[in-house]
Amino acid sequence: DGEDDPNAASVGPELLEVSPDGNEIIARVTPKSVKRITCAARLPNGNTLLGTEKGLAEYTPEGYAVKVWLKNAISSIHVR
């Protein structure tokens, strides 16, 4: 399974958005080069705003940062 294999590739965190009933995955984002996701908000364009240990950035569904707003660790965001 690779769980105890020291040569296994390291995989970062993955963010899942699930349906209200919990039966369907609506969106999945695995941000590149991130160790910890601290907060998240889905954007109308399909991308996701993520707070991480690296800062606040907008990520595509493929996990690439397309815009970075802050380069400081983010612990929470409030979205209306």
N, C-alpha and C. Protein backbone atom coordinates (compact mmCIF):
# COMPACT_ATOMS: atom_id res chain seq x y z
N ASP A 1 0.80 -1.21 0.00
CA ASP A 1 0.00 0.00 0.00
C ASP A 1 0.84 1.26 0.00
N GLY A 2 2.15 1.17 0.27
CA GLY A 2 3.04 2.33 0.22
C GLY A 2 2.98 3.21 1.44
N GLU A 3 2.09 2.92 2.38
CA GLU A 3 1.92 3.77 3.55
C GLU A 3 3.18 3.83 4.41
N ASP A 4 3.89 2.70 4.54
CA ASP A 4 5.10 2.66 5.35
C ASP A 4 6.35 2.67 4.51
N ASP A 5 6.22 2.88 3.21
CA ASP A 5 7.35 2.87 2.29
C ASP A 5 8.02 4.23 2.27
N PRO A 6 9.30 4.31 2.72
CA PRO A 6 10.00 5.61 2.74
C PRO A 6 10.26 6.16 1.35
N ASN A 7 10.18 5.32 0.30
CA ASN A 7 10.40 5.76 -1.07
C ASN A 7 9.11 6.15 -1.77
N ALA A 8 7.97 6.00 -1.09
CA ALA A 8 6.68 6.34 -1.70
C ALA A 8 6.60 7.86 -1.91
N ALA A 9 5.94 8.24 -3.00
CA ALA A 9 5.77 9.67 -3.31
C ALA A 9 4.87 10.32 -2.26
N SER A 10 5.24 11.51 -1.85
CA SER A 10 4.45 12.25 -0.87
C SER A 10 3.30 12.96 -1.58
N VAL A 11 2.11 12.80 -1.07
CA VAL A 11 0.93 13.43 -1.64
C VAL A 11 0.44 14.47 -0.65
N GLY A 12 0.16 15.67 -1.15
CA GLY A 12 -0.31 16.75 -0.28
C GLY A 12 -1.78 16.60 0.04
N PRO A 13 -2.34 17.61 0.68
CA PRO A 13 -3.75 17.55 1.07
C PRO A 13 -4.67 17.65 -0.15
N GLU A 14 -5.86 17.12 0.03
CA GLU A 14 -6.87 17.17 -1.02
C GLU A 14 -8.14 17.74 -0.41
N LEU A 15 -8.77 18.67 -1.10
CA LEU A 15 -10.01 19.28 -0.64
C LEU A 15 -11.16 18.70 -1.46
N LEU A 16 -12.18 18.18 -0.77
CA LEU A 16 -13.36 17.65 -1.45
C LEU A 16 -14.57 18.49 -1.08
N GLU A 17 -15.38 18.81 -2.08
CA GLU A 17 -16.69 19.40 -1.84
C GLU A 17 -17.70 18.32 -2.16
N VAL A 18 -18.54 18.00 -1.18
CA VAL A 18 -19.52 16.93 -1.36
C VAL A 18 -20.93 17.51 -1.36
N SER A 19 -21.85 16.75 -1.95
CA SER A 19 -23.25 17.15 -1.98
C SER A 19 -23.79 17.19 -0.55
N PRO A 20 -24.88 17.95 -0.32
CA PRO A 20 -25.44 18.05 1.03
C PRO A 20 -25.74 16.70 1.68
N ASP A 21 -26.11 15.70 0.87
CA ASP A 21 -26.39 14.38 1.46
C ASP A 21 -25.12 13.55 1.64
N GLY A 22 -23.99 14.05 1.16
CA GLY A 22 -22.71 13.37 1.34
C GLY A 22 -22.47 12.21 0.39
N ASN A 23 -23.34 12.03 -0.60
CA ASN A 23 -23.23 10.88 -1.49
C ASN A 23 -22.48 11.16 -2.80
N GLU A 24 -22.21 12.43 -3.10
CA GLU A 24 -21.59 12.76 -4.38
C GLU A 24 -20.47 13.76 -4.17
N ILE A 25 -19.33 13.54 -4.84
CA ILE A 25 -18.24 14.51 -4.83
C ILE A 25 -18.52 15.52 -5.93
N ILE A 26 -18.68 16.79 -5.54
CA ILE A 26 -18.98 17.85 -6.49
C ILE A 26 -17.70 18.43 -7.07
N ALA A 27 -16.69 18.60 -6.23
CA ALA A 27 -15.41 19.15 -6.68
C ALA A 27 -14.29 18.55 -5.85
N ARG A 28 -13.11 18.48 -6.47
CA ARG A 28 -11.92 17.95 -5.81
C ARG A 28 -10.74 18.82 -6.24
N VAL A 29 -9.99 19.33 -5.27
CA VAL A 29 -8.82 20.16 -5.57
C VAL A 29 -7.64 19.62 -4.76
N THR A 30 -6.53 19.36 -5.45
CA THR A 30 -5.29 18.96 -4.79
C THR A 30 -4.25 20.01 -5.16
N PRO A 31 -4.10 21.04 -4.31
CA PRO A 31 -3.18 22.12 -4.66
C PRO A 31 -1.73 21.65 -4.69
N LYS A 32 -1.03 22.08 -5.72
CA LYS A 32 0.38 21.71 -5.90
C LYS A 32 1.25 22.43 -4.86
N SER A 33 2.22 21.73 -4.33
CA SER A 33 3.23 22.29 -3.41
C SER A 33 2.65 22.88 -2.13
N VAL A 34 1.56 22.33 -1.64
CA VAL A 34 0.94 22.80 -0.40
C VAL A 34 0.94 21.65 0.60
N LYS A 35 1.26 21.97 1.85
CA LYS A 35 1.29 20.95 2.90
C LYS A 35 0.02 20.93 3.74
N ARG A 36 -0.65 22.10 3.85
CA ARG A 36 -1.82 22.17 4.72
C ARG A 36 -2.82 23.19 4.19
N ILE A 37 -4.09 22.79 4.10
CA ILE A 37 -5.18 23.68 3.74
C ILE A 37 -5.84 24.11 5.04
N THR A 38 -5.94 25.43 5.27
CA THR A 38 -6.53 25.92 6.51
C THR A 38 -7.96 26.42 6.32
N CYS A 39 -8.32 26.84 5.10
CA CYS A 39 -9.67 27.30 4.83
C CYS A 39 -9.88 27.33 3.31
N ALA A 40 -11.16 27.31 2.92
CA ALA A 40 -11.46 27.26 1.50
C ALA A 40 -12.83 27.86 1.21
N ALA A 41 -12.98 28.38 -0.02
CA ALA A 41 -14.27 28.89 -0.49
C ALA A 41 -14.33 28.68 -2.00
N ARG A 42 -15.43 28.10 -2.49
CA ARG A 42 -15.61 27.92 -3.92
C ARG A 42 -15.97 29.26 -4.55
N LEU A 43 -15.42 29.53 -5.71
CA LEU A 43 -15.68 30.76 -6.43
C LEU A 43 -16.65 30.50 -7.58
N PRO A 44 -17.39 31.53 -8.01
CA PRO A 44 -18.36 31.34 -9.11
C PRO A 44 -17.75 30.85 -10.41
N ASN A 45 -16.45 31.10 -10.63
CA ASN A 45 -15.81 30.67 -11.87
C ASN A 45 -15.37 29.21 -11.85
N GLY A 46 -15.64 28.47 -10.75
CA GLY A 46 -15.26 27.07 -10.65
C GLY A 46 -13.94 26.84 -9.96
N ASN A 47 -13.18 27.89 -9.74
CA ASN A 47 -11.93 27.78 -9.00
C ASN A 47 -12.22 27.81 -7.50
N THR A 48 -11.18 27.61 -6.70
CA THR A 48 -11.33 27.58 -5.25
C THR A 48 -10.32 28.51 -4.62
N LEU A 49 -10.80 29.33 -3.68
CA LEU A 49 -9.93 30.21 -2.91
C LEU A 49 -9.46 29.40 -1.71
N LEU A 50 -8.14 29.25 -1.58
CA LEU A 50 -7.58 28.44 -0.50
C LEU A 50 -6.64 29.25 0.37
N GLY A 51 -6.80 29.10 1.68
CA GLY A 51 -5.82 29.59 2.63
C GLY A 51 -4.93 28.42 2.99
N THR A 52 -3.62 28.63 2.94
CA THR A 52 -2.66 27.57 3.23
C THR A 52 -1.52 28.13 4.06
N GLU A 53 -0.54 27.28 4.34
CA GLU A 53 0.64 27.75 5.06
C GLU A 53 1.46 28.72 4.20
N LYS A 54 1.16 28.78 2.90
CA LYS A 54 1.89 29.67 1.99
C LYS A 54 1.19 31.00 1.78
N GLY A 55 -0.11 31.07 2.07
CA GLY A 55 -0.85 32.31 1.86
C GLY A 55 -2.25 32.06 1.35
N LEU A 56 -2.80 33.05 0.65
CA LEU A 56 -4.14 33.00 0.11
C LEU A 56 -4.05 33.05 -1.41
N ALA A 57 -4.61 32.03 -2.08
CA ALA A 57 -4.50 31.98 -3.53
C ALA A 57 -5.73 31.33 -4.13
N GLU A 58 -5.97 31.63 -5.40
CA GLU A 58 -7.05 31.02 -6.18
C GLU A 58 -6.45 29.84 -6.94
N TYR A 59 -7.06 28.67 -6.79
CA TYR A 59 -6.57 27.45 -7.44
C TYR A 59 -7.58 26.93 -8.44
N THR A 60 -7.06 26.42 -9.56
CA THR A 60 -7.90 25.77 -10.56
C THR A 60 -8.29 24.38 -10.06
N PRO A 61 -9.29 23.74 -10.70
CA PRO A 61 -9.64 22.37 -10.30
C PRO A 61 -8.46 21.40 -10.45
N GLU A 62 -7.50 21.74 -11.31
CA GLU A 62 -6.32 20.89 -11.51
C GLU A 62 -5.25 21.11 -10.44
N GLY A 63 -5.46 22.11 -9.55
CA GLY A 63 -4.53 22.32 -8.45
C GLY A 63 -3.48 23.38 -8.66
N TYR A 64 -3.61 24.19 -9.70
CA TYR A 64 -2.61 25.23 -9.97
C TYR A 64 -3.08 26.59 -9.46
N ALA A 65 -2.19 27.32 -8.82
CA ALA A 65 -2.49 28.67 -8.35
C ALA A 65 -2.50 29.61 -9.55
N VAL A 66 -3.61 30.34 -9.75
CA VAL A 66 -3.70 31.27 -10.87
C VAL A 66 -3.59 32.72 -10.40
N LYS A 67 -3.81 32.96 -9.13
CA LYS A 67 -3.67 34.30 -8.57
C LYS A 67 -3.37 34.16 -7.09
N VAL A 68 -2.38 34.92 -6.63
CA VAL A 68 -1.99 34.90 -5.22
C VAL A 68 -2.28 36.28 -4.64
N TRP A 69 -3.02 36.32 -3.52
CA TRP A 69 -3.34 37.59 -2.89
C TRP A 69 -2.44 37.90 -1.71
N LEU A 70 -2.17 36.93 -0.89
CA LEU A 70 -1.31 37.14 0.28
C LEU A 70 -0.26 36.05 0.35
N LYS A 71 0.93 36.41 0.80
CA LYS A 71 2.00 35.42 0.93
C LYS A 71 2.36 35.20 2.39
N ASN A 72 1.34 35.21 3.25
CA ASN A 72 1.50 34.90 4.67
C ASN A 72 0.57 33.76 5.00
N ALA A 73 0.92 32.99 6.03
CA ALA A 73 0.06 31.88 6.44
C ALA A 73 -1.34 32.39 6.77
N ILE A 74 -2.37 31.67 6.33
CA ILE A 74 -3.77 32.05 6.52
C ILE A 74 -4.42 31.02 7.44
N SER A 75 -5.12 31.51 8.47
CA SER A 75 -5.79 30.57 9.37
C SER A 75 -7.30 30.52 9.13
N SER A 76 -7.90 31.61 8.60
CA SER A 76 -9.34 31.57 8.32
C SER A 76 -9.71 32.67 7.35
N ILE A 77 -10.84 32.46 6.65
CA ILE A 77 -11.41 33.49 5.79
C ILE A 77 -12.92 33.48 6.03
N HIS A 78 -13.55 34.62 5.83
CA HIS A 78 -14.99 34.73 5.95
C HIS A 78 -15.53 35.15 4.60
N VAL A 79 -16.50 34.40 4.08
CA VAL A 79 -17.05 34.65 2.77
C VAL A 79 -18.55 34.89 2.90
N ARG A 80 -19.05 35.91 2.23
CA ARG A 80 -20.49 36.19 2.25
C ARG A 80 -21.14 35.69 1.01
